Amino acid sequence: MSGECFALDEAVLAAALEAHLPGFRGPLRATKFEGGQSNPTYRLDAASGTYVLRRKPPGALLASAHAVDREYRVLTALQGRVPVARPLWLCHDAAVIGSMFYVMAFVDGRVEWDPSLPRHTPEQRSAHYHALIDTLAAIHCVDLEATGLVDFGKPGNYFARQIARWSEQYAQSRTRDIPAMDALIAELPARCPADDGRVALVHGDFRLDNLMWAKDGPQVLAVMDWELATLGHPLADLGYLAMALRLPRNPALPGLAGLDRAALGIPSEAELLERYAARTGQALPQDWGFVLAFSYFRLAAIAQGVARRAEQGNASNARAAEAGRMVDLLASAGRAALG
């Protein structure tokens, strides 16, 4: 499917925004952001200012995927508690642009796509990673009752439920045989720990490039991409972050493997885990290998979904096929983490 499937009818959209968004004035120009594999995201430049639109992609989608309405709910609930963009309008009417979407305030900052932070000094890198961990701890310390998020997901047995869910999602998006993934799916349930009762808001895709940073310092202006957010075990986010940093240097999702973190000024994994534990007051798991393996497995399942959408022609990013090719690497790394 060509890029035309993601084009917006700017006149129709402007009319809808003028009718539903106080203060909005057209005309507008919509420009799709290049980043992101899932929900297409656009910058809207209008007479009344700059906004951001995030939509479900067009075409056939997996059940429960691309839940922009859940993203909108989280953004609304976290105002004043965690740095996030201000949500402005959720539109359920697919007739406007072809799918459900929401509009949020534009946050003027920078995105760091490379976790090695090549443009920064060692001291600046350290400060960025401390802010990264502190932001994750803040998310996990959100009061679910005060934010009205107590029903945002199913409590209990998070890892077991996620293994079952992503195994099913992988089966639905499978395009070829990947023995390492089949083995990981078979091995993970036996290592799944007993439920310890910990429940928190989890982001689901927490990593450096899903944060909007201040242009002149290590301050987090907004946590982005809440599509996978739910209630779950907070260690899933922590493991996912550590897993992402362990990845090799690759064009789809670069990690820090092979780099001298100490020389770069980037805290070690152990240091980041210790800071997280200190900020949250929560003990780290005995089976860290399982947490890492689960994270590799989940990302592999997500990457396979991206690959399937690339074959169907409705993947949001031109590098979707590259992400699909990472499934083998991720599955093999997950098996290695299990030991």
C-alpha atoms as a PDB file:
ATOM      1  CA  MET A   1       0.000   0.000   0.000  1.00  0.00           C
ATOM      2  CA  SER A   2       1.431   3.397  -0.920  1.00  0.00           C
ATOM      3  CA  GLY A   3       1.861   6.385   1.336  1.00  0.00           C
ATOM      4  CA  GLU A   4      -1.415   7.713  -0.028  1.00  0.00           C
ATOM      5  CA  CYS A   5      -3.287   5.455   2.398  1.00  0.00           C
ATOM      6  CA  PHE A   6      -1.927   7.581   5.240  1.00  0.00           C
ATOM      7  CA  ALA A   7      -2.788  10.919   3.608  1.00  0.00           C
ATOM      8  CA  LEU A   8      -5.392  13.035   5.383  1.00  0.00           C
ATOM      9  CA  ASP A   9      -8.139  15.093   3.804  1.00  0.00           C
ATOM     10  CA  GLU A  10      -6.967  18.333   5.382  1.00  0.00           C
ATOM     11  CA  ALA A  11     -10.125  20.294   4.614  1.00  0.00           C
ATOM     12  CA  VAL A  12     -12.433  17.671   6.141  1.00  0.00           C
ATOM     13  CA  LEU A  13     -10.175  17.317   9.180  1.00  0.00           C
ATOM     14  CA  ALA A  14      -9.964  21.076   9.690  1.00  0.00           C
ATOM     15  CA  ALA A  15     -13.758  21.369   9.596  1.00  0.00           C
ATOM     16  CA  ALA A  16     -14.108  18.616  12.216  1.00  0.00           C
ATOM     17  CA  LEU A  17     -11.524  20.221  14.473  1.00  0.00           C
ATOM     18  CA  GLU A  18     -13.161  23.638  14.176  1.00  0.00           C
ATOM     19  CA  ALA A  19     -16.439  22.044  15.257  1.00  0.00           C
ATOM     20  CA  HIS A  20     -15.080  20.075  18.213  1.00  0.00           C
ATOM     21  CA  LEU A  21     -11.804  21.619  19.371  1.00  0.00           C
ATOM     22  CA  PRO A  22     -12.214  24.971  21.158  1.00  0.00           C
ATOM     23  CA  GLY A  23      -9.945  27.649  19.728  1.00  0.00           C
ATOM     24  CA  PHE A  24      -8.948  25.693  16.656  1.00  0.00           C
ATOM     25  CA  ARG A  25      -8.778  27.629  13.383  1.00  0.00           C
ATOM     26  CA  GLY A  26      -7.872  26.265   9.983  1.00  0.00           C
ATOM     27  CA  PRO A  27      -6.672  25.835   7.371  1.00  0.00           C
ATOM     28  CA  LEU A  28      -4.187  23.177   8.367  1.00  0.00           C
ATOM     29  CA  ARG A  29      -1.289  21.257   6.894  1.00  0.00           C
ATOM     30  CA  ALA A  30      -0.742  17.646   8.027  1.00  0.00           C
ATOM     31  CA  THR A  31       2.731  16.121   7.923  1.00  0.00           C
ATOM     32  CA  LYS A  32       3.260  12.493   8.912  1.00  0.00           C
ATOM     33  CA  PHE A  33       6.132  11.855  11.323  1.00  0.00           C
ATOM     34  CA  GLU A  34       8.610   9.295  10.028  1.00  0.00           C
ATOM     35  CA  GLY A  35       9.175   7.542  13.363  1.00  0.00           C
ATOM     36  CA  GLY A  36       6.915   4.865  14.786  1.00  0.00           C
ATOM     37  CA  GLN A  37       5.885   1.424  13.591  1.00  0.00           C
ATOM     38  CA  SER A  38       2.321   1.257  14.829  1.00  0.00           C
ATOM     39  CA  ASN A  39      -0.110   4.173  15.047  1.00  0.00           C
ATOM     40  CA  PRO A  40       0.546   6.798  12.338  1.00  0.00           C
ATOM     41  CA  THR A  41       1.252  10.185  13.902  1.00  0.00           C
ATOM     42  CA  TYR A  42       1.031  13.596  12.253  1.00  0.00           C
ATOM     43  CA  ARG A  43       2.065  17.146  12.937  1.00  0.00           C
ATOM     44  CA  LEU A  44      -0.809  19.555  12.288  1.00  0.00           C
ATOM     45  CA  ASP A  45       0.180  23.128  11.520  1.00  0.00           C
ATOM     46  CA  ALA A  46      -2.896  25.370  11.638  1.00  0.00           C
ATOM     47  CA  ALA A  47      -3.715  29.044  11.894  1.00  0.00           C
ATOM     48  CA  SER A  48      -4.367  28.543  15.619  1.00  0.00           C
ATOM     49  CA  GLY A  49      -1.102  26.731  16.335  1.00  0.00           C
ATOM     50  CA  THR A  50       0.585  23.351  16.132  1.00  0.00           C
ATOM     51  CA  TYR A  51      -1.014  20.074  17.215  1.00  0.00           C
ATOM     52  CA  VAL A  52      -0.309  16.345  16.982  1.00  0.00           C
ATOM     53  CA  LEU A  53      -2.763  13.762  15.629  1.00  0.00           C
ATOM     54  CA  ARG A  54      -2.451  10.046  16.309  1.00  0.00           C
ATOM     55  CA  ARG A  55      -4.683   7.536  14.524  1.00  0.00           C
ATOM     56  CA  LYS A  56      -5.372   3.879  14.056  1.00  0.00           C
ATOM     57  CA  PRO A  57      -3.809   2.697  10.795  1.00  0.00           C
ATOM     58  CA  PRO A  58      -6.154   1.832   7.938  1.00  0.00           C
ATOM     59  CA  GLY A  59      -6.772  -1.736   6.844  1.00  0.00           C
ATOM     60  CA  ALA A  60      -7.349  -5.038   8.636  1.00  0.00           C
ATOM     61  CA  LEU A  61      -5.986  -4.987  12.192  1.00  0.00           C
ATOM     62  CA  LEU A  62      -5.478  -7.515  14.964  1.00  0.00           C
ATOM     63  CA  ALA A  63      -8.155  -7.460  17.631  1.00  0.00           C
ATOM     64  CA  SER A  64      -7.414  -5.017  20.497  1.00  0.00           C
ATOM     65  CA  ALA A  65      -4.404  -3.547  18.664  1.00  0.00           C
ATOM     66  CA  HIS A  66      -3.809   0.173  17.974  1.00  0.00           C
ATOM     67  CA  ALA A  67      -6.076   1.309  20.819  1.00  0.00           C
ATOM     68  CA  VAL A  68      -5.768   5.064  20.474  1.00  0.00           C
ATOM     69  CA  ASP A  69      -8.762   5.538  22.766  1.00  0.00           C
ATOM     70  CA  ARG A  70      -6.809   3.852  25.570  1.00  0.00           C
ATOM     71  CA  GLU A  71      -3.868   6.146  24.875  1.00  0.00           C
ATOM     72  CA  TYR A  72      -6.168   9.137  25.157  1.00  0.00           C
ATOM     73  CA  ARG A  73      -7.506   7.896  28.475  1.00  0.00           C
ATOM     74  CA  VAL A  74      -4.008   7.484  29.915  1.00  0.00           C
ATOM     75  CA  LEU A  75      -2.908  10.930  28.787  1.00  0.00           C
ATOM     76  CA  THR A  76      -5.974  12.411  30.453  1.00  0.00           C
ATOM     77  CA  ALA A  77      -5.422  10.500  33.700  1.00  0.00           C
ATOM     78  CA  LEU A  78      -1.726  11.360  34.013  1.00  0.00           C
ATOM     79  CA  GLN A  79      -1.983  15.128  33.687  1.00  0.00           C
ATOM     80  CA  GLY A  80       0.091  16.684  36.485  1.00  0.00           C
ATOM     81  CA  ARG A  81       1.438  13.301  37.621  1.00  0.00           C
ATOM     82  CA  VAL A  82       3.735  12.112  34.836  1.00  0.00           C
ATOM     83  CA  PRO A  83       5.056  14.294  31.998  1.00  0.00           C
ATOM     84  CA  VAL A  84       2.748  13.664  29.028  1.00  0.00           C
ATOM     85  CA  ALA A  85       1.222  15.729  26.241  1.00  0.00           C
ATOM     86  CA  ARG A  86      -2.159  17.369  26.886  1.00  0.00           C
ATOM     87  CA  PRO A  87      -4.983  15.466  25.134  1.00  0.00           C
ATOM     88  CA  LEU A  88      -7.458  17.694  23.302  1.00  0.00           C
ATOM     89  CA  TRP A  89     -10.029  15.626  21.412  1.00  0.00           C
ATOM     90  CA  LEU A  90     -10.816  11.954  20.787  1.00  0.00           C
ATOM     91  CA  CYS A  91     -12.767  11.250  17.607  1.00  0.00           C
ATOM     92  CA  HIS A  92     -14.498   7.865  17.334  1.00  0.00           C
ATOM     93  CA  ASP A  93     -16.003   8.706  13.939  1.00  0.00           C
ATOM     94  CA  ALA A  94     -13.896   6.825  11.380  1.00  0.00           C
ATOM     95  CA  ALA A  95     -15.593   8.746   8.575  1.00  0.00           C
ATOM     96  CA  VAL A  96     -13.524  11.868   9.276  1.00  0.00           C
ATOM     97  CA  ILE A  97     -10.109  10.494   8.239  1.00  0.00           C
ATOM     98  CA  GLY A  98     -10.787   6.771   7.815  1.00  0.00           C
ATOM     99  CA  SER A  99     -10.097   5.582  11.372  1.00  0.00           C
ATOM    100  CA  MET A 100     -10.405   6.596  15.026  1.00  0.00           C
ATOM    101  CA  PHE A 101      -7.930   9.299  16.102  1.00  0.00           C
ATOM    102  CA  TYR A 102      -7.116  11.794  18.787  1.00  0.00           C
ATOM    103  CA  VAL A 103      -5.462  15.188  18.859  1.00  0.00           C
ATOM    104  CA  MET A 104      -3.055  16.366  21.529  1.00  0.00           C
ATOM    105  CA  ALA A 105      -1.003  19.453  22.227  1.00  0.00           C
ATOM    106  CA  PHE A 106       2.338  19.737  20.441  1.00  0.00           C
ATOM    107  CA  VAL A 107       5.354  19.343  22.745  1.00  0.00           C
ATOM    108  CA  ASP A 108       8.360  21.187  21.360  1.00  0.00           C
ATOM    109  CA  GLY A 109      11.400  19.122  22.290  1.00  0.00           C
ATOM    110  CA  ARG A 110      13.804  16.547  20.893  1.00  0.00           C
ATOM    111  CA  VAL A 111      13.763  12.784  20.438  1.00  0.00           C
ATOM    112  CA  GLU A 112      16.941  10.786  20.991  1.00  0.00           C
ATOM    113  CA  TRP A 113      16.819   7.841  18.594  1.00  0.00           C
ATOM    114  CA  ASP A 114      20.265   6.469  19.490  1.00  0.00           C
ATOM    115  CA  PRO A 115      20.635   5.262  23.116  1.00  0.00           C
ATOM    116  CA  SER A 116      24.380   5.980  22.958  1.00  0.00           C
ATOM    117  CA  LEU A 117      23.491   9.699  22.855  1.00  0.00           C
ATOM    118  CA  PRO A 118      26.376  10.485  20.484  1.00  0.00           C
ATOM    119  CA  ARG A 119      25.972  14.273  20.646  1.00  0.00           C
ATOM    120  CA  HIS A 120      26.342  14.457  24.422  1.00  0.00           C
ATOM    121  CA  THR A 121      29.092  14.417  27.016  1.00  0.00           C
ATOM    122  CA  PRO A 122      29.491  11.561  29.524  1.00  0.00           C
ATOM    123  CA  GLU A 123      27.983  13.736  32.247  1.00  0.00           C
ATOM    124  CA  GLN A 124      25.000  14.595  30.073  1.00  0.00           C
ATOM    125  CA  ARG A 125      24.465  10.936  29.163  1.00  0.00           C
ATOM    126  CA  SER A 126      24.439   9.964  32.822  1.00  0.00           C
ATOM    127  CA  ALA A 127      21.892  12.689  33.602  1.00  0.00           C
ATOM    128  CA  HIS A 128      19.648  11.516  30.755  1.00  0.00           C
ATOM    129  CA  TYR A 129      19.656   7.931  31.988  1.00  0.00           C
ATOM    130  CA  HIS A 130      18.954   8.975  35.553  1.00  0.00           C
ATOM    131  CA  ALA A 131      15.963  10.994  34.298  1.00  0.00           C
ATOM    132  CA  LEU A 132      14.880   7.984  32.234  1.00  0.00           C
ATOM    133  CA  ILE A 133      14.802   5.684  35.260  1.00  0.00           C
ATOM    134  CA  ASP A 134      13.218   8.298  37.508  1.00  0.00           C
ATOM    135  CA  THR A 135      10.421   8.802  34.967  1.00  0.00           C
ATOM    136  CA  LEU A 136       9.775   5.060  34.802  1.00  0.00           C
ATOM    137  CA  ALA A 137       9.638   4.911  38.592  1.00  0.00           C
ATOM    138  CA  ALA A 138       7.130   7.784  38.598  1.00  0.00           C
ATOM    139  CA  ILE A 139       4.864   5.884  36.189  1.00  0.00           C
ATOM    140  CA  HIS A 140       4.936   2.806  38.386  1.00  0.00           C
ATOM    141  CA  CYS A 141       4.168   4.853  41.491  1.00  0.00           C
ATOM    142  CA  VAL A 142       1.004   6.410  40.009  1.00  0.00           C
ATOM    143  CA  ASP A 143      -1.991   6.043  42.320  1.00  0.00           C
ATOM    144  CA  LEU A 144      -4.447   3.976  40.290  1.00  0.00           C
ATOM    145  CA  GLU A 145      -7.476   4.958  42.329  1.00  0.00           C
ATOM    146  CA  ALA A 146      -6.698   8.668  42.223  1.00  0.00           C
ATOM    147  CA  THR A 147      -6.254   8.556  38.450  1.00  0.00           C
ATOM    148  CA  GLY A 148      -9.320   6.413  37.807  1.00  0.00           C
ATOM    149  CA  LEU A 149      -7.232   3.672  36.211  1.00  0.00           C
ATOM    150  CA  VAL A 150      -8.125   0.793  38.522  1.00  0.00           C
ATOM    151  CA  ASP A 151     -10.027  -0.870  35.667  1.00  0.00           C
ATOM    152  CA  PHE A 152      -7.443  -0.176  32.969  1.00  0.00           C
ATOM    153  CA  GLY A 153      -6.369  -3.826  32.857  1.00  0.00           C
ATOM    154  CA  LYS A 154      -6.832  -7.176  34.527  1.00  0.00           C
ATOM    155  CA  PRO A 155      -5.027  -7.478  37.867  1.00  0.00           C
ATOM    156  CA  GLY A 156      -2.940 -10.521  38.725  1.00  0.00           C
ATOM    157  CA  ASN A 157      -0.941 -13.147  36.804  1.00  0.00           C
ATOM    158  CA  TYR A 158       0.374 -10.510  34.438  1.00  0.00           C
ATOM    159  CA  PHE A 159       3.298 -12.441  32.978  1.00  0.00           C
ATOM    160  CA  ALA A 160       1.239 -15.603  32.424  1.00  0.00           C
ATOM    161  CA  ARG A 161      -1.530 -13.654  30.714  1.00  0.00           C
ATOM    162  CA  GLN A 162       0.917 -11.720  28.556  1.00  0.00           C
ATOM    163  CA  ILE A 163       2.710 -14.885  27.449  1.00  0.00           C
ATOM    164  CA  ALA A 164      -0.641 -16.344  26.375  1.00  0.00           C
ATOM    165  CA  ARG A 165      -1.735 -13.128  24.657  1.00  0.00           C
ATOM    166  CA  TRP A 166       1.442 -12.520  22.688  1.00  0.00           C
ATOM    167  CA  SER A 167       1.745 -16.184  21.761  1.00  0.00           C
ATOM    168  CA  GLU A 168      -1.699 -15.885  20.197  1.00  0.00           C
ATOM    169  CA  GLN A 169      -0.844 -12.586  18.511  1.00  0.00           C
ATOM    170  CA  TYR A 170       2.320 -14.151  17.117  1.00  0.00           C
ATOM    171  CA  ALA A 171       0.359 -17.104  15.769  1.00  0.00           C
ATOM    172  CA  GLN A 172      -2.068 -14.737  14.031  1.00  0.00           C
ATOM    173  CA  SER A 173       0.708 -12.718  12.395  1.00  0.00           C
ATOM    174  CA  ARG A 174       3.071 -15.602  11.649  1.00  0.00           C
ATOM    175  CA  THR A 175       4.531 -15.481   8.127  1.00  0.00           C
ATOM    176  CA  ARG A 176       7.252 -18.177   8.319  1.00  0.00           C
ATOM    177  CA  ASP A 177       8.711 -20.797  10.646  1.00  0.00           C
ATOM    178  CA  ILE A 178      11.107 -19.450  13.295  1.00  0.00           C
ATOM    179  CA  PRO A 179      12.275 -22.403  15.453  1.00  0.00           C
ATOM    180  CA  ALA A 180      13.805 -20.179  18.153  1.00  0.00           C
ATOM    181  CA  MET A 181      10.483 -18.406  18.634  1.00  0.00           C
ATOM    182  CA  ASP A 182       8.588 -21.687  18.827  1.00  0.00           C
ATOM    183  CA  ALA A 183      11.044 -22.926  21.473  1.00  0.00           C
ATOM    184  CA  LEU A 184      10.785 -19.712  23.482  1.00  0.00           C
ATOM    185  CA  ILE A 185       6.993 -19.899  23.473  1.00  0.00           C
ATOM    186  CA  ALA A 186       7.235 -23.467  24.757  1.00  0.00           C
ATOM    187  CA  GLU A 187       9.808 -22.692  27.476  1.00  0.00           C
ATOM    188  CA  LEU A 188       8.548 -19.422  28.968  1.00  0.00           C
ATOM    189  CA  PRO A 189       5.457 -20.735  30.816  1.00  0.00           C
ATOM    190  CA  ALA A 190       7.570 -23.141  32.882  1.00  0.00           C
ATOM    191  CA  ARG A 191       9.747 -20.270  34.130  1.00  0.00           C
ATOM    192  CA  CYS A 192       6.866 -17.895  34.808  1.00  0.00           C
ATOM    193  CA  PRO A 193       7.037 -16.811  38.480  1.00  0.00           C
ATOM    194  CA  ALA A 194       4.120 -17.044  40.859  1.00  0.00           C
ATOM    195  CA  ASP A 195       2.052 -13.882  41.049  1.00  0.00           C
ATOM    196  CA  ASP A 196       3.386 -11.622  43.841  1.00  0.00           C
ATOM    197  CA  GLY A 197       0.418  -9.253  43.801  1.00  0.00           C
ATOM    198  CA  ARG A 198       2.255  -6.206  42.454  1.00  0.00           C
ATOM    199  CA  VAL A 199       0.083  -4.166  40.093  1.00  0.00           C
ATOM    200  CA  ALA A 200       0.984  -0.835  38.520  1.00  0.00           C
ATOM    201  CA  LEU A 201       0.385   1.209  35.419  1.00  0.00           C
ATOM    202  CA  VAL A 202       2.878  -0.115  32.873  1.00  0.00           C
ATOM    203  CA  HIS A 203       3.801   1.755  29.722  1.00  0.00           C
ATOM    204  CA  GLY A 204       4.530  -1.306  27.609  1.00  0.00           C
ATOM    205  CA  ASP A 205       7.133   0.285  25.309  1.00  0.00           C
ATOM    206  CA  PHE A 206       9.288   2.328  27.645  1.00  0.00           C
ATOM    207  CA  ARG A 207      12.627   3.266  26.111  1.00  0.00           C
ATOM    208  CA  LEU A 208      14.739   6.332  25.441  1.00  0.00           C
ATOM    209  CA  ASP A 209      13.235   7.220  22.053  1.00  0.00           C
ATOM    210  CA  ASN A 210       9.686   7.195  23.395  1.00  0.00           C
ATOM    211  CA  LEU A 211      10.439  10.258  25.493  1.00  0.00           C
ATOM    212  CA  MET A 212      10.349  13.891  24.397  1.00  0.00           C
ATOM    213  CA  TRP A 213      13.323  15.664  25.924  1.00  0.00           C
ATOM    214  CA  ALA A 214      13.894  19.353  26.566  1.00  0.00           C
ATOM    215  CA  LYS A 215      16.023  20.899  23.846  1.00  0.00           C
ATOM    216  CA  ASP A 216      18.652  22.174  26.267  1.00  0.00           C
ATOM    217  CA  GLY A 217      18.895  19.550  29.003  1.00  0.00           C
ATOM    218  CA  PRO A 218      18.030  16.102  30.378  1.00  0.00           C
ATOM    219  CA  GLN A 219      14.490  17.008  31.429  1.00  0.00           C
ATOM    220  CA  VAL A 220      11.681  14.732  30.232  1.00  0.00           C
ATOM    221  CA  LEU A 221       8.906  16.844  28.720  1.00  0.00           C
ATOM    222  CA  ALA A 222       6.574  13.998  27.732  1.00  0.00           C
ATOM    223  CA  VAL A 223       6.360  10.212  27.684  1.00  0.00           C
ATOM    224  CA  MET A 224       4.978   9.167  24.289  1.00  0.00           C
ATOM    225  CA  ASP A 225       3.393   6.124  22.644  1.00  0.00           C
ATOM    226  CA  TRP A 226       1.058   4.698  25.283  1.00  0.00           C
ATOM    227  CA  GLU A 227      -0.630   2.227  22.940  1.00  0.00           C
ATOM    228  CA  LEU A 228       0.495  -0.845  24.914  1.00  0.00           C
ATOM    229  CA  ALA A 229      -0.190   0.638  28.357  1.00  0.00           C
ATOM    230  CA  THR A 230      -2.169  -1.463  30.796  1.00  0.00           C
ATOM    231  CA  LEU A 231      -2.201  -2.585  34.412  1.00  0.00           C
ATOM    232  CA  GLY A 232       0.501  -5.132  35.023  1.00  0.00           C
ATOM    233  CA  HIS A 233       3.702  -6.035  36.755  1.00  0.00           C
ATOM    234  CA  PRO A 234       6.109  -3.071  36.824  1.00  0.00           C
ATOM    235  CA  LEU A 235       9.133  -5.300  36.244  1.00  0.00           C
ATOM    236  CA  ALA A 236       7.878  -5.874  32.699  1.00  0.00           C
ATOM    237  CA  ASP A 237       8.723  -2.246  31.850  1.00  0.00           C
ATOM    238  CA  LEU A 238      12.064  -2.430  33.612  1.00  0.00           C
ATOM    239  CA  GLY A 239      12.991  -5.645  31.838  1.00  0.00           C
ATOM    240  CA  TYR A 240      11.916  -4.225  28.490  1.00  0.00           C
ATOM    241  CA  LEU A 241      14.110  -1.162  28.965  1.00  0.00           C
ATOM    242  CA  ALA A 242      17.111  -3.291  29.948  1.00  0.00           C
ATOM    243  CA  MET A 243      16.457  -5.625  27.018  1.00  0.00           C
ATOM    244  CA  ALA A 244      16.310  -2.732  24.535  1.00  0.00           C
ATOM    245  CA  LEU A 245      19.662  -1.443  25.781  1.00  0.00           C
ATOM    246  CA  ARG A 246      21.177  -4.929  25.376  1.00  0.00           C
ATOM    247  CA  LEU A 247      20.303  -5.090  21.682  1.00  0.00           C
ATOM    248  CA  PRO A 248      23.064  -4.919  19.070  1.00  0.00           C
ATOM    249  CA  ARG A 249      23.619  -1.831  16.977  1.00  0.00           C
ATOM    250  CA  ASN A 250      20.979  -2.176  14.264  1.00  0.00           C
ATOM    251  CA  PRO A 251      18.930   0.192  12.092  1.00  0.00           C
ATOM    252  CA  ALA A 252      15.512  -0.816  13.414  1.00  0.00           C
ATOM    253  CA  LEU A 253      16.054  -0.513  17.161  1.00  0.00           C
ATOM    254  CA  PRO A 254      19.668   0.239  18.120  1.00  0.00           C
ATOM    255  CA  GLY A 255      20.970  -0.918  21.479  1.00  0.00           C
ATOM    256  CA  LEU A 256      24.231  -0.553  23.352  1.00  0.00           C
ATOM    257  CA  ALA A 257      25.740  -4.011  22.811  1.00  0.00           C
ATOM    258  CA  GLY A 258      29.474  -3.805  22.199  1.00  0.00           C
ATOM    259  CA  LEU A 259      29.814  -0.242  23.473  1.00  0.00           C
ATOM    260  CA  ASP A 260      31.822   0.816  26.532  1.00  0.00           C
ATOM    261  CA  ARG A 261      29.037   2.190  28.706  1.00  0.00           C
ATOM    262  CA  ALA A 262      31.423   3.347  31.422  1.00  0.00           C
ATOM    263  CA  ALA A 263      33.481   5.382  28.958  1.00  0.00           C
ATOM    264  CA  LEU A 264      30.311   6.871  27.507  1.00  0.00           C
ATOM    265  CA  GLY A 265      29.034   7.828  30.941  1.00  0.00           C
ATOM    266  CA  ILE A 266      25.984   5.579  30.615  1.00  0.00           C
ATOM    267  CA  PRO A 267      25.129   3.778  33.872  1.00  0.00           C
ATOM    268  CA  SER A 268      25.465   0.012  33.897  1.00  0.00           C
ATOM    269  CA  GLU A 269      22.393  -2.173  33.977  1.00  0.00           C
ATOM    270  CA  ALA A 270      23.051  -2.948  37.652  1.00  0.00           C
ATOM    271  CA  GLU A 271      23.270   0.764  38.477  1.00  0.00           C
ATOM    272  CA  LEU A 272      20.001   1.496  36.691  1.00  0.00           C
ATOM    273  CA  LEU A 273      18.270  -1.366  38.505  1.00  0.00           C
ATOM    274  CA  GLU A 274      19.562  -0.115  41.852  1.00  0.00           C
ATOM    275  CA  ARG A 275      18.322   3.413  41.158  1.00  0.00           C
ATOM    276  CA  TYR A 276      14.913   2.067  40.169  1.00  0.00           C
ATOM    277  CA  ALA A 277      14.679  -0.019  43.348  1.00  0.00           C
ATOM    278  CA  ALA A 278      15.615   3.006  45.447  1.00  0.00           C
ATOM    279  CA  ARG A 279      13.003   5.213  43.756  1.00  0.00           C
ATOM    280  CA  THR A 280      10.169   2.682  44.006  1.00  0.00           C
ATOM    281  CA  GLY A 281      11.070   0.799  47.203  1.00  0.00           C
ATOM    282  CA  GLN A 282      10.515  -2.453  45.300  1.00  0.00           C
ATOM    283  CA  ALA A 283      12.867  -5.427  45.363  1.00  0.00           C
ATOM    284  CA  LEU A 284      14.269  -6.756  42.116  1.00  0.00           C
ATOM    285  CA  PRO A 285      13.338 -10.289  40.983  1.00  0.00           C
ATOM    286  CA  GLN A 286      15.414 -13.363  41.700  1.00  0.00           C
ATOM    287  CA  ASP A 287      14.876 -14.627  38.158  1.00  0.00           C
ATOM    288  CA  TRP A 288      16.015 -11.613  36.142  1.00  0.00           C
ATOM    289  CA  GLY A 289      16.698 -13.963  33.239  1.00  0.00           C
ATOM    290  CA  PHE A 290      12.990 -14.699  32.909  1.00  0.00           C
ATOM    291  CA  VAL A 291      12.108 -10.999  32.902  1.00  0.00           C
ATOM    292  CA  LEU A 292      14.617 -10.366  30.120  1.00  0.00           C
ATOM    293  CA  ALA A 293      13.505 -13.432  28.137  1.00  0.00           C
ATOM    294  CA  PHE A 294       9.874 -12.361  28.426  1.00  0.00           C
ATOM    295  CA  SER A 295      10.828  -8.938  27.071  1.00  0.00           C
ATOM    296  CA  TYR A 296      12.664 -10.422  24.088  1.00  0.00           C
ATOM    297  CA  PHE A 297       9.693 -12.689  23.400  1.00  0.00           C
ATOM    298  CA  ARG A 298       7.154  -9.879  23.559  1.00  0.00           C
ATOM    299  CA  LEU A 299       9.171  -7.596  21.300  1.00  0.00           C
ATOM    300  CA  ALA A 300       9.662 -10.461  18.859  1.00  0.00           C
ATOM    301  CA  ALA A 301       5.889 -10.962  18.718  1.00  0.00           C
ATOM    302  CA  ILE A 302       5.389  -7.234  18.144  1.00  0.00           C
ATOM    303  CA  ALA A 303       8.043  -7.211  15.416  1.00  0.00           C
ATOM    304  CA  GLN A 304       6.306 -10.129  13.722  1.00  0.00           C
ATOM    305  CA  GLY A 305       3.081  -8.147  13.717  1.00  0.00           C
ATOM    306  CA  VAL A 306       4.916  -5.258  12.053  1.00  0.00           C
ATOM    307  CA  ALA A 307       6.269  -7.692   9.445  1.00  0.00           C
ATOM    308  CA  ARG A 308       2.782  -9.009   8.764  1.00  0.00           C
ATOM    309  CA  ARG A 309       1.428  -5.491   8.280  1.00  0.00           C
ATOM    310  CA  ALA A 310       4.328  -4.758   5.923  1.00  0.00           C
ATOM    311  CA  GLU A 311       3.270  -7.723   3.777  1.00  0.00           C
ATOM    312  CA  GLN A 312      -0.319  -6.482   3.816  1.00  0.00           C
ATOM    313  CA  GLY A 313       0.808  -2.959   2.950  1.00  0.00           C
ATOM    314  CA  ASN A 314      -0.491  -1.060   5.973  1.00  0.00           C
ATOM    315  CA  ALA A 315       2.631  -0.777   8.152  1.00  0.00           C
ATOM    316  CA  SER A 316       3.192   2.773   9.394  1.00  0.00           C
ATOM    317  CA  ASN A 317       6.940   2.925   8.851  1.00  0.00           C
ATOM    318  CA  ALA A 318       9.050   2.199   5.779  1.00  0.00           C
ATOM    319  CA  ARG A 319      11.460   0.212   7.969  1.00  0.00           C
ATOM    320  CA  ALA A 320       8.745  -2.236   9.016  1.00  0.00           C
ATOM    321  CA  ALA A 321      10.299  -5.084   7.029  1.00  0.00           C
ATOM    322  CA  GLU A 322      13.593  -4.550   8.866  1.00  0.00           C
ATOM    323  CA  ALA A 323      11.774  -4.873  12.194  1.00  0.00           C
ATOM    324  CA  GLY A 324      10.276  -8.135  11.000  1.00  0.00           C
ATOM    325  CA  ARG A 325      13.726  -9.530  10.276  1.00  0.00           C
ATOM    326  CA  MET A 326      14.657  -8.949  13.913  1.00  0.00           C
ATOM    327  CA  VAL A 327      12.306 -11.698  15.113  1.00  0.00           C
ATOM    328  CA  ASP A 328      14.995 -14.377  14.751  1.00  0.00           C
ATOM    329  CA  LEU A 329      17.558 -12.298  16.664  1.00  0.00           C
ATOM    330  CA  LEU A 330      15.143 -11.461  19.453  1.00  0.00           C
ATOM    331  CA  ALA A 331      13.896 -15.019  19.896  1.00  0.00           C
ATOM    332  CA  SER A 332      17.448 -16.367  20.048  1.00  0.00           C
ATOM    333  CA  ALA A 333      18.433 -13.720  22.599  1.00  0.00           C
ATOM    334  CA  GLY A 334      15.392 -14.616  24.682  1.00  0.00           C
ATOM    335  CA  ARG A 335      16.391 -18.254  24.814  1.00  0.00           C
ATOM    336  CA  ALA A 336      19.929 -17.256  25.811  1.00  0.00           C
ATOM    337  CA  ALA A 337      18.565 -15.061  28.624  1.00  0.00           C
ATOM    338  CA  LEU A 338      16.647 -18.026  30.026  1.00  0.00           C
ATOM    339  CA  GLY A 339      19.971 -19.859  30.391  1.00  0.00           C
END
